[in-house]
């Protein structure tokens, strides 16, 4: 019965998402035509006049009146983030129950040491830490193949939790020929791995994104009031999303940003985009981007195996691996 459920889920979600350019094998293929198409800047559309609205009719998305009630007879004041936390917790539960692995294109942009880097696109394969039917625990596993910009195109990164001393296998696809012929075995927190990055590779993925959102929301909820807007009808590359927008007018601890937006895919019921902005430098100025992460062309439960996270996979381009 469990197997039939997983098969049905895979068919439903795959149909809803559509045909992905990244299957179990396609991430590693060098199809420049598809890459150019898929790495175009994502289009984001949000109504100019936000309106508070319920998220799409989906049984696992809680409505405001579905939030847990106060067990005592006293009426506890509601915080604007209560509903956001409940939505995120529901999303995390759905992710952990129903998603075992997925492929996607991840687009990210980060401000590091005050400098905003270029948009970076990478094909990713991610296997979630789940209990297999055999009773064996599947380790959290990540494969990345960088697509843009040109100076990192072709770079491949593999990291498997608890394997190979929890170090990452990395090789470059651009730069000098000698560099491209080498494979590096690096600590994810090393200077080389963290250069130009705000966070290590093992913090990538949808589940980690949801966990971070819950942590930030609970922290900010405890710190005091804030403005939270809920909106439906936004789109990311023609996929309909609902948006949670959080605004902190006061620049103080523990707040990390002036404004953050979370886009929740109406079909999957999980966040597929997070963007955070700094406080405006002057009255009337636009807030500057701190970081943004968007997951495109998601294809879930594709049946990733250990070979998908093995640098010796013949479909990958690792060179000079140790015997």
Protein backbone atom coordinates (compact mmCIF):
# COMPACT_ATOMS: atom_id res chain seq x y z
CA UNK A 1 0.00 0.00 0.00
CA UNK A 2 2.86 2.33 0.86
CA UNK A 3 4.44 1.67 -2.53
CA UNK A 4 1.16 2.37 -4.33
CA UNK A 5 0.81 5.64 -2.41
CA UNK A 6 4.30 6.75 -3.40
CA UNK A 7 3.67 5.82 -7.04
CA UNK A 8 0.38 7.74 -7.10
CA UNK A 9 1.96 10.76 -5.47
CA UNK A 10 4.77 10.76 -8.01
CA UNK A 11 2.31 10.67 -10.91
CA UNK A 12 0.12 13.46 -9.51
CA UNK A 13 2.93 15.84 -8.64
CA UNK A 14 4.89 15.17 -11.82
CA UNK A 15 1.77 15.90 -13.87
CA UNK A 16 1.10 19.08 -11.93
CA UNK A 17 4.61 20.38 -12.34
CA UNK A 18 4.88 19.52 -16.00
CA UNK A 19 7.82 18.21 -17.95
CA UNK A 20 11.08 19.20 -16.23
CA UNK A 21 14.29 19.72 -18.18
CA UNK A 22 16.02 18.02 -15.28
CA UNK A 23 15.37 14.33 -14.89
CA UNK A 24 17.64 11.97 -13.06
CA UNK A 25 20.10 12.19 -15.94
CA UNK A 26 19.37 15.54 -17.55
CA UNK A 27 21.07 17.59 -14.86
CA UNK A 28 24.43 16.32 -16.01
CA UNK A 29 23.87 16.76 -19.73
CA UNK A 30 25.38 19.70 -21.60
CA UNK A 31 22.42 20.95 -23.60
CA UNK A 32 23.20 24.60 -24.20
CA UNK A 33 19.85 25.34 -25.83
CA UNK A 34 17.91 24.16 -22.79
CA UNK A 35 20.32 25.88 -20.43
CA UNK A 36 19.90 29.22 -22.16
CA UNK A 37 16.14 28.89 -21.97
CA UNK A 38 15.95 27.76 -18.36
CA UNK A 39 18.54 30.20 -17.00
CA UNK A 40 16.77 33.29 -18.21
CA UNK A 41 15.91 35.62 -15.35
CA UNK A 42 12.73 34.31 -13.69
CA UNK A 43 9.70 36.56 -14.02
CA UNK A 44 7.94 37.50 -10.80
CA UNK A 45 4.53 39.12 -10.81
CA UNK A 46 2.78 40.40 -7.70
CA UNK A 47 -0.40 42.47 -7.67
CA UNK A 48 0.24 46.12 -6.92
CA UNK A 49 -2.60 46.19 -4.39
CA UNK A 50 -2.01 43.31 -2.01
CA UNK A 51 -5.07 41.92 -0.30
CA UNK A 52 -5.28 39.65 2.68
CA UNK A 53 -6.67 36.39 1.39
CA UNK A 54 -6.77 32.73 2.26
CA UNK A 55 -4.22 30.57 0.51
CA UNK A 56 -5.58 28.35 -2.28
CA UNK A 57 -8.12 25.67 -1.34
CA UNK A 58 -5.78 22.94 -0.22
CA UNK A 59 -6.55 20.66 2.69
CA UNK A 60 -3.06 20.89 4.17
CA UNK A 61 -2.89 24.72 4.13
CA UNK A 62 -4.42 26.10 7.35
CA UNK A 63 -6.83 28.98 7.36
CA UNK A 64 -6.75 31.68 9.99
CA UNK A 65 -9.59 30.14 11.98
CA UNK A 66 -7.81 26.76 11.91
CA UNK A 67 -4.96 27.98 14.11
CA UNK A 68 -4.66 26.26 17.50
CA UNK A 69 -6.85 27.86 20.11
CA UNK A 70 -5.71 28.95 23.55
CA UNK A 71 -6.34 26.04 25.98
CA UNK A 72 -7.41 28.44 28.75
CA UNK A 73 -10.50 30.58 28.74
CA UNK A 74 -8.44 33.75 28.37
CA UNK A 75 -8.17 35.25 24.90
CA UNK A 76 -4.55 35.39 23.78
CA UNK A 77 -3.69 38.20 21.34
CA UNK A 78 -2.80 36.95 17.89
CA UNK A 79 0.55 37.88 16.37
CA UNK A 80 0.63 38.70 12.64
CA UNK A 81 3.16 35.89 12.16
CA UNK A 82 0.99 33.18 13.73
CA UNK A 83 -0.56 32.20 10.44
CA UNK A 84 2.79 32.27 8.63
CA UNK A 85 4.33 29.91 11.18
CA UNK A 86 1.35 27.55 10.90
CA UNK A 87 1.60 27.52 7.10
CA UNK A 88 5.33 26.81 7.23
CA UNK A 89 4.92 24.00 9.77
CA UNK A 90 2.22 22.42 7.61
CA UNK A 91 4.50 22.74 4.58
CA UNK A 92 7.38 21.09 6.44
CA UNK A 93 5.16 18.19 7.49
CA UNK A 94 3.96 17.69 3.93
CA UNK A 95 7.53 17.79 2.65
CA UNK A 96 8.73 15.19 5.17
CA UNK A 97 5.79 12.86 4.56
CA UNK A 98 5.54 13.00 0.79
CA UNK A 99 8.83 14.08 -0.81
CA UNK A 100 11.76 11.66 -0.94
CA UNK A 101 13.92 13.35 -3.57
CA UNK A 102 13.69 15.93 -6.34
CA UNK A 103 15.53 17.66 -9.14
CA UNK A 104 15.30 21.37 -9.93
CA UNK A 105 17.06 24.43 -11.24
CA UNK A 106 18.10 26.63 -8.36
CA UNK A 107 18.61 30.32 -9.05
CA UNK A 108 20.28 32.33 -6.33
CA UNK A 109 21.76 35.75 -5.78
CA UNK A 110 23.59 36.84 -2.65
CA UNK A 111 25.21 39.92 -1.19
CA UNK A 112 28.54 38.92 0.36
CA UNK A 113 30.76 41.43 2.17
CA UNK A 114 28.52 44.23 0.93
CA UNK A 115 28.77 43.27 -2.75
CA UNK A 116 25.82 41.82 -4.68
CA UNK A 117 26.98 38.95 -6.85
CA UNK A 118 25.52 37.97 -10.22
CA UNK A 119 22.58 35.56 -10.50
CA UNK A 120 23.84 31.97 -10.32
CA UNK A 121 21.95 29.06 -11.86
CA UNK A 122 22.60 25.41 -11.13
CA UNK A 123 20.92 22.10 -11.80
CA UNK A 124 20.45 20.25 -8.53
CA UNK A 125 19.58 16.74 -7.42
CA UNK A 126 18.61 16.42 -3.78
CA UNK A 127 17.81 13.28 -1.81
CA UNK A 128 16.04 13.96 1.47
CA UNK A 129 17.04 12.22 4.72
CA UNK A 130 14.29 9.61 4.84
CA UNK A 131 13.79 6.05 6.03
CA UNK A 132 13.84 3.69 3.05
CA UNK A 133 11.40 0.81 2.66
CA UNK A 134 14.30 -1.51 3.52
CA UNK A 135 14.56 0.19 6.90
CA UNK A 136 17.87 1.86 5.97
CA UNK A 137 18.23 5.60 6.46
CA UNK A 138 18.90 7.54 3.25
CA UNK A 139 21.51 10.21 3.91
CA UNK A 140 20.87 13.82 2.94
CA UNK A 141 22.61 14.09 -0.45
CA UNK A 142 23.24 16.96 -2.86
CA UNK A 143 24.52 17.15 -6.43
CA UNK A 144 24.97 20.51 -8.16
CA UNK A 145 26.00 21.37 -11.68
CA UNK A 146 26.54 25.09 -12.26
CA UNK A 147 25.10 26.52 -15.47
CA UNK A 148 25.60 30.30 -15.22
CA UNK A 149 27.50 32.64 -15.07
CA UNK A 150 30.22 31.61 -17.50
CA UNK A 151 33.06 31.74 -14.96
CA UNK A 152 31.49 28.88 -12.95
CA UNK A 153 29.66 26.99 -15.71
CA UNK A 154 30.38 23.26 -15.58
CA UNK A 155 31.39 23.21 -11.92
CA UNK A 156 30.09 20.10 -10.16
CA UNK A 157 29.65 19.65 -6.41
CA UNK A 158 28.64 16.50 -4.54
CA UNK A 159 28.06 16.34 -0.80
CA UNK A 160 26.60 13.40 1.16
CA UNK A 161 25.99 13.72 4.88
CA UNK A 162 28.29 11.42 6.84
CA UNK A 163 30.10 10.07 3.77
CA UNK A 164 33.72 10.77 2.84
CA UNK A 165 34.24 12.61 6.14
CA UNK A 166 31.25 14.79 5.16
CA UNK A 167 33.49 16.59 2.69
CA UNK A 168 32.40 17.75 -0.77
CA UNK A 169 33.76 16.54 -4.10
CA UNK A 170 34.31 19.57 -6.33
CA UNK A 171 35.71 20.12 -9.79
CA UNK A 172 35.73 23.19 -12.00
CA UNK A 173 34.29 23.43 -15.50
CA UNK A 174 35.85 26.78 -16.33
CA UNK A 175 39.27 28.35 -15.87
CA UNK A 176 42.67 26.91 -16.72
CA UNK A 177 42.87 23.43 -18.28
CA UNK A 178 45.01 22.23 -15.38
CA UNK A 179 42.34 23.32 -12.91
CA UNK A 180 39.63 21.48 -14.85
CA UNK A 181 41.65 18.26 -14.71
CA UNK A 182 41.66 18.17 -10.93
CA UNK A 183 39.07 17.10 -8.37
CA UNK A 184 39.07 18.66 -4.92
CA UNK A 185 37.88 17.06 -1.68
CA UNK A 186 36.91 20.02 0.52
CA UNK A 187 35.37 20.79 3.88
CA UNK A 188 32.04 22.57 3.13
CA UNK A 189 33.00 25.30 5.62
CA UNK A 190 36.50 25.83 4.22
CA UNK A 191 37.60 29.17 2.83
CA UNK A 192 37.58 27.83 -0.74
CA UNK A 193 34.06 26.42 -0.45
CA UNK A 194 32.65 29.51 1.25
CA UNK A 195 34.19 32.04 -1.13
CA UNK A 196 31.35 34.17 -2.47
CA UNK A 197 28.74 32.23 -0.47
CA UNK A 198 26.56 33.19 2.47
CA UNK A 199 26.01 29.60 3.60
CA UNK A 200 27.57 26.16 3.12
CA UNK A 201 26.37 23.67 0.52
CA UNK A 202 24.65 21.44 3.10
CA UNK A 203 22.11 24.19 3.83
CA UNK A 204 20.68 24.04 0.30
CA UNK A 205 17.29 22.52 -0.49
CA UNK A 206 13.59 23.11 0.05
CA UNK A 207 13.39 21.40 3.43
CA UNK A 208 16.24 23.49 4.81
CA UNK A 209 14.56 26.60 3.43
CA UNK A 210 11.33 25.81 5.29
CA UNK A 211 13.19 25.11 8.54
CA UNK A 212 14.99 28.46 8.29
CA UNK A 213 11.73 30.26 7.62
CA UNK A 214 10.16 28.74 10.74
CA UNK A 215 13.18 29.63 12.86
CA UNK A 216 13.24 33.24 11.63
CA UNK A 217 9.48 33.66 12.03
CA UNK A 218 9.43 32.27 15.59
CA UNK A 219 12.38 34.47 16.55
CA UNK A 220 10.80 37.60 15.06
CA UNK A 221 7.41 36.77 16.56
CA UNK A 222 8.97 36.69 20.02
CA UNK A 223 10.73 40.02 19.40
CA UNK A 224 7.57 42.08 18.98
CA UNK A 225 4.95 43.21 16.44
CA UNK A 226 5.62 43.51 12.71
CA UNK A 227 3.70 43.90 9.47
CA UNK A 228 2.71 40.72 7.63
CA UNK A 229 0.81 40.67 4.33
CA UNK A 230 -0.78 37.59 2.76
CA UNK A 231 -1.49 37.65 -0.97
CA UNK A 232 -2.66 35.23 -3.62
CA UNK A 233 -2.36 35.29 -7.40
CA UNK A 234 1.39 35.93 -7.76
CA UNK A 235 3.34 33.98 -10.38
CA UNK A 236 6.86 32.69 -10.91
CA UNK A 237 7.47 31.73 -14.53
CA UNK A 238 3.72 31.22 -14.97
CA UNK A 239 3.37 29.05 -11.85
CA UNK A 240 0.74 30.44 -9.49
CA UNK A 241 1.95 31.19 -5.98
CA UNK A 242 0.73 32.74 -2.76
CA UNK A 243 2.99 35.25 -1.06
CA UNK A 244 3.77 35.97 2.58
CA UNK A 245 5.48 39.34 3.02
CA UNK A 246 7.10 40.34 6.31
CA UNK A 247 8.17 43.95 7.02
CA UNK A 248 10.22 45.26 9.94
CA UNK A 249 10.13 49.05 10.11
CA UNK A 250 12.48 49.08 13.10
CA UNK A 251 16.11 48.26 12.47
CA UNK A 252 17.08 46.44 15.64
CA UNK A 253 18.07 43.06 17.01
CA UNK A 254 17.21 40.31 16.23
CA UNK A 255 15.85 41.39 12.84
CA UNK A 256 18.03 40.50 9.84
CA UNK A 257 16.13 42.32 7.11
CA UNK A 258 13.70 45.11 6.38
CA UNK A 259 11.47 43.04 4.12
CA UNK A 260 11.21 39.37 3.20
CA UNK A 261 8.95 37.64 0.71
CA UNK A 262 8.12 33.93 0.60
CA UNK A 263 6.44 32.50 -2.51
CA UNK A 264 4.50 29.28 -1.86
CA UNK A 265 3.69 27.11 -4.86
CA UNK A 266 -0.08 26.61 -4.97
CA UNK A 267 0.23 23.04 -6.26
CA UNK A 268 3.11 21.72 -4.19
CA UNK A 269 2.21 23.66 -1.05
CA UNK A 270 5.89 24.40 -0.30
CA UNK A 271 7.97 27.60 -0.58
CA UNK A 272 9.86 27.83 -3.87
CA UNK A 273 11.24 31.35 -3.50
CA UNK A 274 12.65 33.44 -0.65
CA UNK A 275 13.95 37.00 -1.01
CA UNK A 276 15.20 39.35 1.71
CA UNK A 277 15.88 43.08 1.43
CA UNK A 278 17.89 45.51 3.54
CA UNK A 279 16.52 48.69 5.10
CA UNK A 280 16.47 51.66 2.67
CA UNK A 281 19.60 53.79 2.95
CA UNK A 282 17.58 56.99 2.82
CA UNK A 283 13.90 58.02 2.96
CA UNK A 284 12.19 57.08 -0.27
CA UNK A 285 15.05 54.86 -1.47
CA UNK A 286 14.39 51.31 -2.63
CA UNK A 287 15.49 48.51 -0.29
CA UNK A 288 18.51 46.64 -1.61
CA UNK A 289 18.51 42.88 -2.11
CA UNK A 290 20.38 40.85 0.52
CA UNK A 291 19.71 37.37 -0.84
CA UNK A 292 17.24 35.44 -2.97
CA UNK A 293 16.71 31.76 -3.73
CA UNK A 294 14.28 30.40 -6.31
CA UNK A 295 13.61 26.77 -7.24
CA UNK A 296 12.39 26.26 -10.82
CA UNK A 297 11.29 23.19 -12.79
CA UNK A 298 10.88 21.05 -9.69
CA UNK A 299 10.36 17.34 -10.36
CA UNK A 300 9.71 15.27 -7.24
CA UNK A 301 10.20 11.61 -6.32
CA UNK A 302 12.24 10.74 -9.40
CA UNK A 303 13.97 7.81 -7.71
CA UNK A 304 17.49 9.14 -7.16
CA UNK A 305 20.05 6.51 -6.18
CA UNK A 306 23.55 6.41 -4.67
CA UNK A 307 25.00 6.70 -8.18
CA UNK A 308 23.46 10.17 -8.54
CA UNK A 309 25.75 11.29 -5.70
CA UNK A 310 28.88 9.43 -6.75
CA UNK A 311 31.65 11.45 -8.46
CA UNK A 312 32.49 8.30 -10.46
CA UNK A 313 29.13 8.45 -12.21
CA UNK A 314 30.08 8.23 -15.93
CA UNK A 315 27.59 10.99 -16.74
CA UNK A 316 29.59 13.44 -14.63
CA UNK A 317 32.84 15.13 -15.56
CA UNK A 318 35.01 14.56 -12.51
CA UNK A 319 38.69 14.08 -13.33
CA UNK A 320 41.65 12.77 -11.38
CA UNK A 321 39.69 10.98 -8.66
CA UNK A 322 41.72 8.93 -6.17
CA UNK A 323 41.68 5.16 -6.59
